[in-house]
Amino acid sequence: MKSTLKFVTIWWAIFCLIGCTSMQTVSNSAPHHEVEFKDRIVVYERGGRIIDMQVVSIDETKIVGSLTNAPLQAVTTLLADVEKIEIESVDGGKTTLAVVGGIILLPFLILALMIGIADSVD
């Protein structure tokens, strides 16, 4: 019983946290004011290349980072070549909905588990 409840609670928390982030577009005029060290960004270049990276440094001319799926591989892109930049951020609406929904649904989940276990004992 305790292990099942712990398992369900852990998965519930993971699913709630997954939905809390979203990608927000950064202005092209001065991205170095909005993007910071260790931010996860997606860069869309004019040539069609899409780079998913974690920022190591950014200045007025270029972004240096490491690829998200291969952290040991460095990548540099010039801001002059960038069409659009998206930054990963926490979405307050999704977070609130996940927490409130979890608080409301968790008692029903526990009750259903208890009824299911009680039915299997008979």
N, C-alpha and C. Protein backbone atom coordinates (compact mmCIF):
# COMPACT_ATOMS: atom_id res chain seq x y z
N MET A 1 0.83 -1.20 0.00
CA MET A 1 0.00 0.00 0.00
C MET A 1 0.87 1.26 0.00
N LYS A 2 1.84 1.30 0.93
CA LYS A 2 2.69 2.50 1.01
C LYS A 2 3.53 2.67 -0.24
N SER A 3 4.04 1.57 -0.78
CA SER A 3 4.88 1.68 -1.98
C SER A 3 4.05 2.13 -3.19
N THR A 4 2.81 1.64 -3.30
CA THR A 4 1.93 2.04 -4.39
C THR A 4 1.59 3.52 -4.29
N LEU A 5 1.27 3.98 -3.09
CA LEU A 5 0.94 5.38 -2.88
C LEU A 5 2.14 6.27 -3.17
N LYS A 6 3.32 5.83 -2.75
CA LYS A 6 4.54 6.60 -3.01
C LYS A 6 4.79 6.68 -4.52
N PHE A 7 4.62 5.56 -5.21
CA PHE A 7 4.81 5.50 -6.67
C PHE A 7 3.85 6.46 -7.39
N VAL A 8 2.59 6.42 -7.02
CA VAL A 8 1.58 7.28 -7.65
C VAL A 8 1.87 8.75 -7.35
N THR A 9 2.26 9.06 -6.13
CA THR A 9 2.55 10.44 -5.74
C THR A 9 3.74 10.99 -6.51
N ILE A 10 4.77 10.19 -6.67
CA ILE A 10 5.96 10.63 -7.41
C ILE A 10 5.60 10.90 -8.86
N TRP A 11 4.87 10.01 -9.50
CA TRP A 11 4.49 10.22 -10.90
C TRP A 11 3.57 11.42 -11.05
N TRP A 12 2.67 11.62 -10.10
CA TRP A 12 1.77 12.77 -10.12
C TRP A 12 2.58 14.06 -10.06
N ALA A 13 3.57 14.12 -9.18
CA ALA A 13 4.41 15.32 -9.05
C ALA A 13 5.20 15.58 -10.34
N ILE A 14 5.72 14.53 -10.95
CA ILE A 14 6.48 14.68 -12.19
C ILE A 14 5.59 15.25 -13.29
N PHE A 15 4.40 14.72 -13.44
CA PHE A 15 3.49 15.21 -14.48
C PHE A 15 3.08 16.66 -14.23
N CYS A 16 2.90 17.04 -12.97
CA CYS A 16 2.56 18.44 -12.66
C CYS A 16 3.70 19.37 -13.03
N LEU A 17 4.93 18.98 -12.74
CA LEU A 17 6.08 19.85 -13.00
C LEU A 17 6.41 19.95 -14.49
N ILE A 18 6.11 18.92 -15.26
CA ILE A 18 6.40 18.96 -16.69
C ILE A 18 5.60 20.06 -17.37
N GLY A 19 4.38 20.25 -16.97
CA GLY A 19 3.52 21.23 -17.61
C GLY A 19 3.75 22.66 -17.16
N CYS A 20 4.69 22.90 -16.26
CA CYS A 20 4.87 24.23 -15.69
C CYS A 20 5.79 25.13 -16.50
N THR A 21 6.48 24.61 -17.49
CA THR A 21 7.38 25.45 -18.26
C THR A 21 6.85 25.61 -19.68
N SER A 22 7.21 26.73 -20.28
CA SER A 22 6.86 26.98 -21.68
C SER A 22 7.94 27.85 -22.29
N MET A 23 7.92 27.95 -23.60
CA MET A 23 8.91 28.75 -24.33
C MET A 23 8.30 30.12 -24.64
N GLN A 24 9.03 31.18 -24.29
CA GLN A 24 8.61 32.55 -24.53
C GLN A 24 9.56 33.21 -25.52
N THR A 25 9.04 33.94 -26.49
CA THR A 25 9.88 34.61 -27.48
C THR A 25 10.57 35.82 -26.87
N VAL A 26 11.85 35.96 -27.19
CA VAL A 26 12.68 37.07 -26.71
C VAL A 26 12.78 38.10 -27.83
N SER A 27 12.80 39.38 -27.47
CA SER A 27 12.92 40.42 -28.50
C SER A 27 14.28 40.36 -29.18
N ASN A 28 14.30 40.58 -30.48
CA ASN A 28 15.55 40.53 -31.24
C ASN A 28 16.39 41.79 -31.08
N SER A 29 15.80 42.87 -30.58
CA SER A 29 16.54 44.13 -30.50
C SER A 29 17.68 44.07 -29.49
N ALA A 30 17.46 43.44 -28.35
CA ALA A 30 18.51 43.35 -27.33
C ALA A 30 18.35 42.06 -26.52
N PRO A 31 18.59 40.90 -27.14
CA PRO A 31 18.40 39.65 -26.40
C PRO A 31 19.38 39.48 -25.25
N HIS A 32 20.53 40.14 -25.31
CA HIS A 32 21.52 39.98 -24.25
C HIS A 32 21.06 40.59 -22.93
N HIS A 33 19.97 41.38 -22.95
CA HIS A 33 19.41 41.92 -21.71
C HIS A 33 18.41 40.95 -21.07
N GLU A 34 17.84 40.05 -21.86
CA GLU A 34 16.82 39.13 -21.36
C GLU A 34 17.36 37.72 -21.10
N VAL A 35 18.36 37.30 -21.86
CA VAL A 35 18.91 35.95 -21.75
C VAL A 35 20.10 35.99 -20.79
N GLU A 36 20.14 35.01 -19.89
CA GLU A 36 21.20 34.97 -18.88
C GLU A 36 21.93 33.64 -18.90
N PHE A 37 23.03 33.58 -18.17
CA PHE A 37 23.83 32.37 -18.01
C PHE A 37 22.95 31.23 -17.50
N LYS A 38 23.08 30.06 -18.11
CA LYS A 38 22.38 28.81 -17.78
C LYS A 38 20.92 28.79 -18.21
N ASP A 39 20.43 29.81 -18.92
CA ASP A 39 19.08 29.75 -19.47
C ASP A 39 19.04 28.72 -20.59
N ARG A 40 17.91 28.01 -20.71
CA ARG A 40 17.72 27.11 -21.85
C ARG A 40 16.99 27.90 -22.92
N ILE A 41 17.59 27.96 -24.10
CA ILE A 41 16.99 28.71 -25.20
C ILE A 41 16.95 27.86 -26.47
N VAL A 42 16.06 28.24 -27.37
CA VAL A 42 16.01 27.65 -28.71
C VAL A 42 16.23 28.81 -29.67
N VAL A 43 17.28 28.69 -30.50
CA VAL A 43 17.64 29.74 -31.45
C VAL A 43 17.24 29.29 -32.85
N TYR A 44 16.50 30.13 -33.55
CA TYR A 44 16.12 29.88 -34.94
C TYR A 44 16.95 30.82 -35.81
N GLU A 45 17.83 30.24 -36.63
CA GLU A 45 18.67 31.06 -37.50
C GLU A 45 17.98 31.28 -38.84
N ARG A 46 18.37 32.34 -39.53
CA ARG A 46 17.80 32.67 -40.83
C ARG A 46 18.06 31.58 -41.86
N GLY A 47 19.16 30.86 -41.72
CA GLY A 47 19.50 29.79 -42.65
C GLY A 47 18.68 28.52 -42.45
N GLY A 48 17.84 28.47 -41.41
CA GLY A 48 17.00 27.30 -41.17
C GLY A 48 17.48 26.41 -40.03
N ARG A 49 18.67 26.66 -39.51
CA ARG A 49 19.19 25.84 -38.42
C ARG A 49 18.48 26.20 -37.12
N ILE A 50 18.10 25.19 -36.36
CA ILE A 50 17.46 25.37 -35.05
C ILE A 50 18.38 24.77 -34.00
N ILE A 51 18.74 25.58 -33.00
CA ILE A 51 19.70 25.15 -31.97
C ILE A 51 19.03 25.20 -30.61
N ASP A 52 18.96 24.06 -29.93
CA ASP A 52 18.45 23.98 -28.56
C ASP A 52 19.67 23.95 -27.65
N MET A 53 19.87 25.00 -26.84
CA MET A 53 21.11 25.11 -26.07
C MET A 53 20.88 25.69 -24.68
N GLN A 54 21.90 25.48 -23.85
CA GLN A 54 21.97 26.14 -22.55
C GLN A 54 23.05 27.21 -22.66
N VAL A 55 22.73 28.43 -22.27
CA VAL A 55 23.62 29.58 -22.48
C VAL A 55 24.82 29.52 -21.55
N VAL A 56 26.00 29.71 -22.14
CA VAL A 56 27.23 29.85 -21.37
C VAL A 56 27.59 31.33 -21.27
N SER A 57 27.50 32.05 -22.40
CA SER A 57 27.72 33.50 -22.39
C SER A 57 26.97 34.13 -23.55
N ILE A 58 26.65 35.41 -23.38
CA ILE A 58 25.97 36.17 -24.43
C ILE A 58 26.46 37.60 -24.36
N ASP A 59 26.68 38.20 -25.52
CA ASP A 59 27.03 39.62 -25.59
C ASP A 59 26.27 40.25 -26.75
N GLU A 60 26.67 41.41 -27.18
CA GLU A 60 25.95 42.14 -28.22
C GLU A 60 26.05 41.49 -29.59
N THR A 61 27.02 40.58 -29.80
CA THR A 61 27.24 40.02 -31.13
C THR A 61 27.00 38.53 -31.25
N LYS A 62 27.12 37.77 -30.17
CA LYS A 62 27.02 36.31 -30.28
C LYS A 62 26.51 35.66 -29.00
N ILE A 63 26.05 34.42 -29.19
CA ILE A 63 25.63 33.58 -28.07
C ILE A 63 26.53 32.34 -28.09
N VAL A 64 27.08 32.00 -26.94
CA VAL A 64 27.88 30.79 -26.79
C VAL A 64 27.16 29.90 -25.79
N GLY A 65 27.03 28.62 -26.15
CA GLY A 65 26.33 27.71 -25.26
C GLY A 65 26.72 26.28 -25.51
N SER A 66 26.02 25.39 -24.81
CA SER A 66 26.22 23.96 -25.01
C SER A 66 24.88 23.36 -25.43
N LEU A 67 24.93 22.39 -26.33
CA LEU A 67 23.70 21.77 -26.81
C LEU A 67 22.98 21.09 -25.67
N THR A 68 21.67 21.17 -25.66
CA THR A 68 20.88 20.57 -24.59
C THR A 68 20.99 19.05 -24.60
N ASN A 69 20.95 18.45 -25.79
CA ASN A 69 21.01 16.99 -25.86
C ASN A 69 22.43 16.44 -25.87
N ALA A 70 23.45 17.31 -25.97
CA ALA A 70 24.86 16.90 -25.91
C ALA A 70 25.63 18.00 -25.17
N PRO A 71 25.55 18.03 -23.84
CA PRO A 71 26.08 19.15 -23.07
C PRO A 71 27.58 19.42 -23.24
N LEU A 72 28.35 18.46 -23.69
CA LEU A 72 29.78 18.67 -23.86
C LEU A 72 30.13 19.27 -25.21
N GLN A 73 29.13 19.44 -26.07
CA GLN A 73 29.37 20.02 -27.39
C GLN A 73 29.03 21.51 -27.37
N ALA A 74 30.05 22.33 -27.59
CA ALA A 74 29.86 23.79 -27.60
C ALA A 74 29.30 24.25 -28.94
N VAL A 75 28.54 25.33 -28.89
CA VAL A 75 27.97 25.91 -30.11
C VAL A 75 27.97 27.43 -29.96
N THR A 76 28.27 28.10 -31.05
CA THR A 76 28.28 29.57 -31.09
C THR A 76 27.43 30.02 -32.26
N THR A 77 26.61 31.03 -32.04
CA THR A 77 25.81 31.60 -33.11
C THR A 77 25.89 33.12 -33.04
N LEU A 78 26.00 33.75 -34.18
CA LEU A 78 26.05 35.21 -34.25
C LEU A 78 24.63 35.76 -34.19
N LEU A 79 24.44 36.83 -33.43
CA LEU A 79 23.11 37.42 -33.32
C LEU A 79 22.62 37.98 -34.65
N ALA A 80 23.53 38.33 -35.54
CA ALA A 80 23.15 38.83 -36.86
C ALA A 80 22.46 37.75 -37.69
N ASP A 81 22.74 36.47 -37.39
CA ASP A 81 22.14 35.34 -38.12
C ASP A 81 20.84 34.85 -37.51
N VAL A 82 20.46 35.40 -36.35
CA VAL A 82 19.32 34.89 -35.60
C VAL A 82 18.02 35.52 -36.09
N GLU A 83 17.04 34.64 -36.36
CA GLU A 83 15.71 35.11 -36.73
C GLU A 83 14.83 35.26 -35.50
N LYS A 84 14.91 34.28 -34.57
CA LYS A 84 14.06 34.29 -33.38
C LYS A 84 14.75 33.52 -32.26
N ILE A 85 14.54 33.95 -31.02
CA ILE A 85 15.06 33.25 -29.84
C ILE A 85 13.89 33.01 -28.90
N GLU A 86 13.79 31.78 -28.41
CA GLU A 86 12.78 31.44 -27.41
C GLU A 86 13.51 31.01 -26.15
N ILE A 87 13.02 31.46 -25.00
CA ILE A 87 13.62 31.12 -23.71
C ILE A 87 12.62 30.32 -22.89
N GLU A 88 13.11 29.29 -22.22
CA GLU A 88 12.25 28.47 -21.37
C GLU A 88 11.97 29.22 -20.08
N SER A 89 10.70 29.33 -19.73
CA SER A 89 10.33 30.03 -18.50
C SER A 89 9.19 29.29 -17.82
N VAL A 90 9.00 29.59 -16.54
CA VAL A 90 7.92 28.98 -15.78
C VAL A 90 6.63 29.71 -16.12
N ASP A 91 5.61 28.94 -16.45
CA ASP A 91 4.30 29.51 -16.79
C ASP A 91 3.44 29.49 -15.53
N GLY A 92 3.15 30.68 -15.00
CA GLY A 92 2.39 30.80 -13.75
C GLY A 92 1.00 30.20 -13.83
N GLY A 93 0.34 30.35 -14.96
CA GLY A 93 -1.01 29.80 -15.11
C GLY A 93 -1.03 28.28 -15.06
N LYS A 94 -0.09 27.66 -15.79
CA LYS A 94 -0.02 26.20 -15.79
C LYS A 94 0.37 25.67 -14.41
N THR A 95 1.29 26.36 -13.74
CA THR A 95 1.72 25.93 -12.41
C THR A 95 0.56 26.01 -11.43
N THR A 96 -0.17 27.11 -11.45
CA THR A 96 -1.32 27.27 -10.56
C THR A 96 -2.37 26.20 -10.84
N LEU A 97 -2.66 25.97 -12.10
CA LEU A 97 -3.65 24.96 -12.47
C LEU A 97 -3.22 23.57 -12.01
N ALA A 98 -1.94 23.26 -12.18
CA ALA A 98 -1.44 21.94 -11.77
C ALA A 98 -1.53 21.76 -10.26
N VAL A 99 -1.17 22.78 -9.50
CA VAL A 99 -1.21 22.68 -8.04
C VAL A 99 -2.64 22.57 -7.54
N VAL A 100 -3.51 23.45 -8.04
CA VAL A 100 -4.91 23.43 -7.61
C VAL A 100 -5.58 22.12 -8.04
N GLY A 101 -5.34 21.71 -9.28
CA GLY A 101 -5.90 20.44 -9.75
C GLY A 101 -5.40 19.26 -8.94
N GLY A 102 -4.12 19.29 -8.59
CA GLY A 102 -3.56 18.22 -7.77
C GLY A 102 -4.17 18.17 -6.39
N ILE A 103 -4.37 19.33 -5.78
CA ILE A 103 -4.96 19.39 -4.44
C ILE A 103 -6.39 18.86 -4.48
N ILE A 104 -7.12 19.16 -5.53
CA ILE A 104 -8.50 18.69 -5.64
C ILE A 104 -8.56 17.21 -5.98
N LEU A 105 -7.69 16.74 -6.89
CA LEU A 105 -7.78 15.36 -7.36
C LEU A 105 -7.06 14.34 -6.47
N LEU A 106 -6.08 14.76 -5.70
CA LEU A 106 -5.32 13.81 -4.88
C LEU A 106 -6.19 13.04 -3.89
N PRO A 107 -7.12 13.67 -3.16
CA PRO A 107 -7.97 12.88 -2.26
C PRO A 107 -8.81 11.83 -2.99
N PHE A 108 -9.29 12.17 -4.20
CA PHE A 108 -10.05 11.19 -4.98
C PHE A 108 -9.17 10.02 -5.41
N LEU A 109 -7.93 10.29 -5.76
CA LEU A 109 -6.98 9.26 -6.14
C LEU A 109 -6.71 8.32 -4.96
N ILE A 110 -6.48 8.89 -3.80
CA ILE A 110 -6.22 8.08 -2.60
C ILE A 110 -7.44 7.24 -2.26
N LEU A 111 -8.62 7.84 -2.34
CA LEU A 111 -9.86 7.10 -2.06
C LEU A 111 -10.04 5.95 -3.05
N ALA A 112 -9.77 6.19 -4.33
CA ALA A 112 -9.90 5.13 -5.34
C ALA A 112 -8.90 4.01 -5.08
N LEU A 113 -7.68 4.35 -4.69
CA LEU A 113 -6.70 3.31 -4.36
C LEU A 113 -7.14 2.49 -3.15
N MET A 114 -7.67 3.16 -2.15
CA MET A 114 -8.13 2.44 -0.94
C MET A 114 -9.30 1.52 -1.27
N ILE A 115 -10.24 1.97 -2.09
CA ILE A 115 -11.38 1.15 -2.47
C ILE A 115 -10.91 -0.04 -3.32
N GLY A 116 -9.99 0.21 -4.25
CA GLY A 116 -9.46 -0.88 -5.07
C GLY A 116 -8.74 -1.93 -4.27
N ILE A 117 -7.99 -1.52 -3.28
CA ILE A 117 -7.27 -2.48 -2.42
C ILE A 117 -8.25 -3.22 -1.53
N ALA A 118 -9.27 -2.51 -1.01
CA ALA A 118 -10.28 -3.16 -0.18
C ALA A 118 -11.08 -4.19 -0.97
N ASP A 119 -11.38 -3.92 -2.24
CA ASP A 119 -12.11 -4.87 -3.08
C ASP A 119 -11.28 -6.09 -3.39
N SER A 120 -9.97 -5.92 -3.52
CA SER A 120 -9.12 -7.07 -3.84
C SER A 120 -8.91 -7.98 -2.66
N VAL A 121 -9.11 -7.49 -1.44
CA VAL A 121 -8.93 -8.31 -0.23
C VAL A 121 -10.11 -9.27 -0.07
N ASP A 122 -11.31 -8.85 -0.43
CA ASP A 122 -12.50 -9.71 -0.28
C ASP A 122 -12.43 -10.81 -1.24
